[in-house]
């Protein structure tokens, strides 16, 4: 079963017995915006997703994992990754398939042109980023790095950081983060 980010957010919010108002108060996002996300009428920025993940006490990758729990080899085909129909500026594809508890989270991230809004955030663990296509801008603390295809960087995620696409072309990269 393929469940949307909004559906997962709503299920987890109800499981935690939180109201939209409580999440709005803790994230600084409006109740109407959160409601639109849950109903798949609006898309999230990386920053908004991180704020919601913090309040719901999950890693942002939770929203991109599959619900099934098989222990068989997982193959993700190129055709399985496509643009988000909600018009989101970014697309995540969890490359772990049904595997849980790996100790790391492999994600393919596609940033569309103009994904350059938001502020730095922190979370536990480390991130390894490897650029496949385009130019990725990474802000890590006071430093800004411009990564081109086959460039990589390792970030201590407990330090403020953010990914951006400041170009007119899409950027695709692998993000492998520790859980």
C-alpha atoms as a PDB file:
ATOM      1  CA  UNK A   1       0.000   0.000   0.000  1.00  0.00           C
ATOM      2  CA  UNK A   2       1.375   3.401  -0.968  1.00  0.00           C
ATOM      3  CA  UNK A   3       0.419   6.039   1.617  1.00  0.00           C
ATOM      4  CA  UNK A   4       1.016   9.771   1.019  1.00  0.00           C
ATOM      5  CA  UNK A   5       3.000  12.085   3.272  1.00  0.00           C
ATOM      6  CA  UNK A   6      -0.245  13.791   4.301  1.00  0.00           C
ATOM      7  CA  UNK A   7      -1.933  10.505   5.197  1.00  0.00           C
ATOM      8  CA  UNK A   8       1.073   9.361   7.229  1.00  0.00           C
ATOM      9  CA  UNK A   9       1.194  12.732   8.983  1.00  0.00           C
ATOM     10  CA  UNK A  10      -2.487  12.494   9.920  1.00  0.00           C
ATOM     11  CA  UNK A  11      -2.225   8.877  11.117  1.00  0.00           C
ATOM     12  CA  UNK A  12       0.829   9.645  13.243  1.00  0.00           C
ATOM     13  CA  UNK A  13      -0.719  12.870  14.598  1.00  0.00           C
ATOM     14  CA  UNK A  14      -3.827  10.973  15.700  1.00  0.00           C
ATOM     15  CA  UNK A  15      -1.721   8.162  17.167  1.00  0.00           C
ATOM     16  CA  UNK A  16       0.174  10.766  19.226  1.00  0.00           C
ATOM     17  CA  UNK A  17      -3.186  12.377  20.172  1.00  0.00           C
ATOM     18  CA  UNK A  18      -2.169  15.772  18.825  1.00  0.00           C
ATOM     19  CA  UNK A  19      -4.441  18.345  17.225  1.00  0.00           C
ATOM     20  CA  UNK A  20      -3.565  20.418  14.174  1.00  0.00           C
ATOM     21  CA  UNK A  21      -3.485  23.437  16.491  1.00  0.00           C
ATOM     22  CA  UNK A  22      -0.887  21.797  18.735  1.00  0.00           C
ATOM     23  CA  UNK A  23       1.310  20.989  15.754  1.00  0.00           C
ATOM     24  CA  UNK A  24       0.797  24.507  14.383  1.00  0.00           C
ATOM     25  CA  UNK A  25       1.810  26.033  17.729  1.00  0.00           C
ATOM     26  CA  UNK A  26       4.988  23.933  17.894  1.00  0.00           C
ATOM     27  CA  UNK A  27       6.038  24.374  14.262  1.00  0.00           C
ATOM     28  CA  UNK A  28       4.965  27.933  13.503  1.00  0.00           C
ATOM     29  CA  UNK A  29       2.982  26.621  10.510  1.00  0.00           C
ATOM     30  CA  UNK A  30      -0.667  27.557  10.083  1.00  0.00           C
ATOM     31  CA  UNK A  31      -3.503  25.160  10.900  1.00  0.00           C
ATOM     32  CA  UNK A  32      -4.953  25.634   7.419  1.00  0.00           C
ATOM     33  CA  UNK A  33      -1.621  24.778   5.776  1.00  0.00           C
ATOM     34  CA  UNK A  34      -1.243  21.628   7.890  1.00  0.00           C
ATOM     35  CA  UNK A  35      -4.805  20.618   7.033  1.00  0.00           C
ATOM     36  CA  UNK A  36      -4.066  21.112   3.320  1.00  0.00           C
ATOM     37  CA  UNK A  37      -0.962  18.922   3.610  1.00  0.00           C
ATOM     38  CA  UNK A  38      -2.961  16.169   5.305  1.00  0.00           C
ATOM     39  CA  UNK A  39      -5.582  16.363   2.527  1.00  0.00           C
ATOM     40  CA  UNK A  40      -2.861  16.374  -0.168  1.00  0.00           C
ATOM     41  CA  UNK A  41      -3.882  19.862  -1.332  1.00  0.00           C
ATOM     42  CA  UNK A  42      -0.503  21.430  -0.566  1.00  0.00           C
ATOM     43  CA  UNK A  43       3.113  20.292  -0.588  1.00  0.00           C
ATOM     44  CA  UNK A  44       5.856  20.752   1.997  1.00  0.00           C
ATOM     45  CA  UNK A  45       9.252  22.405   1.925  1.00  0.00           C
ATOM     46  CA  UNK A  46      12.209  20.607   3.478  1.00  0.00           C
ATOM     47  CA  UNK A  47      12.076  23.013   6.399  1.00  0.00           C
ATOM     48  CA  UNK A  48       8.363  22.399   7.046  1.00  0.00           C
ATOM     49  CA  UNK A  49       8.834  18.635   6.813  1.00  0.00           C
ATOM     50  CA  UNK A  50      11.650  18.802   9.348  1.00  0.00           C
ATOM     51  CA  UNK A  51       9.553  20.872  11.782  1.00  0.00           C
ATOM     52  CA  UNK A  52       6.636  18.441  11.532  1.00  0.00           C
ATOM     53  CA  UNK A  53       8.981  15.448  11.917  1.00  0.00           C
ATOM     54  CA  UNK A  54      10.438  16.951  15.093  1.00  0.00           C
ATOM     55  CA  UNK A  55       6.997  17.485  16.652  1.00  0.00           C
ATOM     56  CA  UNK A  56       5.853  13.977  15.678  1.00  0.00           C
ATOM     57  CA  UNK A  57       9.185  12.575  16.919  1.00  0.00           C
ATOM     58  CA  UNK A  58      10.168  10.756  13.733  1.00  0.00           C
ATOM     59  CA  UNK A  59      13.002  10.970  11.230  1.00  0.00           C
ATOM     60  CA  UNK A  60      11.845  12.805   8.068  1.00  0.00           C
ATOM     61  CA  UNK A  61      12.483   9.598   6.121  1.00  0.00           C
ATOM     62  CA  UNK A  62       9.496   8.040   7.957  1.00  0.00           C
ATOM     63  CA  UNK A  63       7.228   9.837   5.507  1.00  0.00           C
ATOM     64  CA  UNK A  64       8.922   8.164   2.522  1.00  0.00           C
ATOM     65  CA  UNK A  65       9.164   4.574   3.752  1.00  0.00           C
ATOM     66  CA  UNK A  66       7.016   1.737   2.464  1.00  0.00           C
ATOM     67  CA  UNK A  67       4.501   0.131   4.805  1.00  0.00           C
ATOM     68  CA  UNK A  68       5.389  -3.454   3.967  1.00  0.00           C
ATOM     69  CA  UNK A  69       8.062  -5.310   5.925  1.00  0.00           C
ATOM     70  CA  UNK A  70       9.638  -7.976   3.732  1.00  0.00           C
ATOM     71  CA  UNK A  71      13.213  -9.171   4.172  1.00  0.00           C
ATOM     72  CA  UNK A  72      13.899  -9.871   0.499  1.00  0.00           C
ATOM     73  CA  UNK A  73      16.353  -8.032  -1.727  1.00  0.00           C
ATOM     74  CA  UNK A  74      14.935  -4.695  -2.771  1.00  0.00           C
ATOM     75  CA  UNK A  75      15.328  -3.389  -6.293  1.00  0.00           C
ATOM     76  CA  UNK A  76      14.313   0.185  -7.059  1.00  0.00           C
ATOM     77  CA  UNK A  77      13.997   0.736 -10.800  1.00  0.00           C
ATOM     78  CA  UNK A  78      14.695   4.065 -12.470  1.00  0.00           C
ATOM     79  CA  UNK A  79      11.051   4.299 -13.539  1.00  0.00           C
ATOM     80  CA  UNK A  80       9.967   4.128  -9.875  1.00  0.00           C
ATOM     81  CA  UNK A  81      11.238   7.664  -9.289  1.00  0.00           C
ATOM     82  CA  UNK A  82       9.078  10.391 -10.809  1.00  0.00           C
ATOM     83  CA  UNK A  83       8.059  13.971 -10.177  1.00  0.00           C
ATOM     84  CA  UNK A  84       5.577  14.643  -7.420  1.00  0.00           C
ATOM     85  CA  UNK A  85       2.120  15.333  -8.839  1.00  0.00           C
ATOM     86  CA  UNK A  86       1.372  17.866  -6.079  1.00  0.00           C
ATOM     87  CA  UNK A  87       3.941  20.273  -7.562  1.00  0.00           C
ATOM     88  CA  UNK A  88       6.378  19.878  -4.665  1.00  0.00           C
ATOM     89  CA  UNK A  89       9.777  21.474  -5.094  1.00  0.00           C
ATOM     90  CA  UNK A  90      11.464  18.247  -3.952  1.00  0.00           C
ATOM     91  CA  UNK A  91      10.946  14.511  -4.290  1.00  0.00           C
ATOM     92  CA  UNK A  92      12.328  11.849  -1.962  1.00  0.00           C
ATOM     93  CA  UNK A  93      12.603   8.200  -2.899  1.00  0.00           C
ATOM     94  CA  UNK A  94      13.520   5.843  -0.062  1.00  0.00           C
ATOM     95  CA  UNK A  95      15.945   3.364  -1.618  1.00  0.00           C
ATOM     96  CA  UNK A  96      15.723   0.938   1.332  1.00  0.00           C
ATOM     97  CA  UNK A  97      12.455  -0.462   0.047  1.00  0.00           C
ATOM     98  CA  UNK A  98      10.856  -2.577   2.768  1.00  0.00           C
ATOM     99  CA  UNK A  99      14.024  -2.973   4.838  1.00  0.00           C
ATOM    100  CA  UNK A 100      13.798  -1.509   8.343  1.00  0.00           C
ATOM    101  CA  UNK A 101      16.483  -1.052  10.999  1.00  0.00           C
ATOM    102  CA  UNK A 102      19.437  -0.881   8.616  1.00  0.00           C
ATOM    103  CA  UNK A 103      21.190   1.743  10.725  1.00  0.00           C
ATOM    104  CA  UNK A 104      21.178   4.098   7.749  1.00  0.00           C
ATOM    105  CA  UNK A 105      18.584   5.608   5.416  1.00  0.00           C
ATOM    106  CA  UNK A 106      19.421   5.715   1.688  1.00  0.00           C
ATOM    107  CA  UNK A 107      17.405   8.357  -0.157  1.00  0.00           C
ATOM    108  CA  UNK A 108      17.392   9.641  -3.699  1.00  0.00           C
ATOM    109  CA  UNK A 109      16.511  13.340  -3.563  1.00  0.00           C
ATOM    110  CA  UNK A 110      15.385  15.416  -6.533  1.00  0.00           C
ATOM    111  CA  UNK A 111      15.363  19.195  -6.032  1.00  0.00           C
ATOM    112  CA  UNK A 112      13.591  21.168  -8.694  1.00  0.00           C
ATOM    113  CA  UNK A 113      14.848  24.596  -9.769  1.00  0.00           C
ATOM    114  CA  UNK A 114      14.272  27.289  -7.177  1.00  0.00           C
ATOM    115  CA  UNK A 115      14.234  25.109  -4.045  1.00  0.00           C
ATOM    116  CA  UNK A 116      16.209  27.757  -2.240  1.00  0.00           C
ATOM    117  CA  UNK A 117      13.957  28.866   0.590  1.00  0.00           C
ATOM    118  CA  UNK A 118      14.152  27.796   4.181  1.00  0.00           C
ATOM    119  CA  UNK A 119      16.525  27.932   7.056  1.00  0.00           C
ATOM    120  CA  UNK A 120      19.094  25.570   8.416  1.00  0.00           C
ATOM    121  CA  UNK A 121      17.978  22.815  10.795  1.00  0.00           C
ATOM    122  CA  UNK A 122      19.555  20.051  12.848  1.00  0.00           C
ATOM    123  CA  UNK A 123      18.814  16.412  13.654  1.00  0.00           C
ATOM    124  CA  UNK A 124      20.712  13.458  15.066  1.00  0.00           C
ATOM    125  CA  UNK A 125      23.250  11.566  12.964  1.00  0.00           C
ATOM    126  CA  UNK A 126      25.379  12.182   9.912  1.00  0.00           C
ATOM    127  CA  UNK A 127      24.539  12.691   6.231  1.00  0.00           C
ATOM    128  CA  UNK A 128      26.546  11.602   3.221  1.00  0.00           C
ATOM    129  CA  UNK A 129      25.519  13.478   0.046  1.00  0.00           C
ATOM    130  CA  UNK A 130      26.630  12.404  -3.435  1.00  0.00           C
ATOM    131  CA  UNK A 131      25.568  14.551  -6.399  1.00  0.00           C
ATOM    132  CA  UNK A 132      24.342  12.657  -9.455  1.00  0.00           C
ATOM    133  CA  UNK A 133      23.135  15.522 -11.645  1.00  0.00           C
ATOM    134  CA  UNK A 134      23.106  19.321 -11.467  1.00  0.00           C
ATOM    135  CA  UNK A 135      24.683  21.588  -8.872  1.00  0.00           C
ATOM    136  CA  UNK A 136      23.706  21.186  -5.229  1.00  0.00           C
ATOM    137  CA  UNK A 137      24.341  24.003  -2.779  1.00  0.00           C
ATOM    138  CA  UNK A 138      24.863  22.856   0.804  1.00  0.00           C
ATOM    139  CA  UNK A 139      24.870  25.248   3.731  1.00  0.00           C
ATOM    140  CA  UNK A 140      26.648  23.805   6.743  1.00  0.00           C
ATOM    141  CA  UNK A 141      26.986  26.333   9.552  1.00  0.00           C
ATOM    142  CA  UNK A 142      28.563  29.470   8.106  1.00  0.00           C
ATOM    143  CA  UNK A 143      30.033  27.630   5.096  1.00  0.00           C
ATOM    144  CA  UNK A 144      28.411  27.214   1.708  1.00  0.00           C
ATOM    145  CA  UNK A 145      29.504  24.433  -0.645  1.00  0.00           C
ATOM    146  CA  UNK A 146      28.683  24.062  -4.340  1.00  0.00           C
ATOM    147  CA  UNK A 147      28.737  20.405  -5.314  1.00  0.00           C
ATOM    148  CA  UNK A 148      28.772  19.183  -8.908  1.00  0.00           C
ATOM    149  CA  UNK A 149      28.185  15.683 -10.325  1.00  0.00           C
ATOM    150  CA  UNK A 150      30.309  13.060  -8.524  1.00  0.00           C
ATOM    151  CA  UNK A 151      31.157  15.519  -5.697  1.00  0.00           C
ATOM    152  CA  UNK A 152      30.272  14.419  -2.176  1.00  0.00           C
ATOM    153  CA  UNK A 153      30.196  15.776   1.354  1.00  0.00           C
ATOM    154  CA  UNK A 154      29.657  14.340   4.825  1.00  0.00           C
ATOM    155  CA  UNK A 155      27.751  16.530   7.264  1.00  0.00           C
ATOM    156  CA  UNK A 156      27.368  16.242  11.018  1.00  0.00           C
ATOM    157  CA  UNK A 157      23.581  16.612  11.076  1.00  0.00           C
ATOM    158  CA  UNK A 158      23.592  17.856  14.654  1.00  0.00           C
ATOM    159  CA  UNK A 159      25.072  21.064  13.220  1.00  0.00           C
ATOM    160  CA  UNK A 160      22.790  23.521  11.345  1.00  0.00           C
ATOM    161  CA  UNK A 161      22.574  22.643   7.642  1.00  0.00           C
ATOM    162  CA  UNK A 162      20.333  22.900   4.577  1.00  0.00           C
ATOM    163  CA  UNK A 163      20.303  21.763   0.919  1.00  0.00           C
ATOM    164  CA  UNK A 164      19.386  24.145  -1.888  1.00  0.00           C
ATOM    165  CA  UNK A 165      19.009  24.279  -5.639  1.00  0.00           C
ATOM    166  CA  UNK A 166      19.802  27.826  -6.706  1.00  0.00           C
ATOM    167  CA  UNK A 167      20.069  26.921 -10.392  1.00  0.00           C
ATOM    168  CA  UNK A 168      17.551  26.747 -13.234  1.00  0.00           C
ATOM    169  CA  UNK A 169      18.054  22.966 -13.648  1.00  0.00           C
ATOM    170  CA  UNK A 170      16.968  20.016 -11.486  1.00  0.00           C
ATOM    171  CA  UNK A 171      19.454  18.496  -9.030  1.00  0.00           C
ATOM    172  CA  UNK A 172      19.514  14.852  -8.079  1.00  0.00           C
ATOM    173  CA  UNK A 173      21.654  13.399  -5.316  1.00  0.00           C
ATOM    174  CA  UNK A 174      21.959  10.479  -2.946  1.00  0.00           C
ATOM    175  CA  UNK A 175      21.538  11.196   0.738  1.00  0.00           C
ATOM    176  CA  UNK A 176      22.588   8.449   3.100  1.00  0.00           C
ATOM    177  CA  UNK A 177      21.882   9.397   6.690  1.00  0.00           C
ATOM    178  CA  UNK A 178      22.374   7.498   9.908  1.00  0.00           C
ATOM    179  CA  UNK A 179      19.262   6.694  11.904  1.00  0.00           C
END
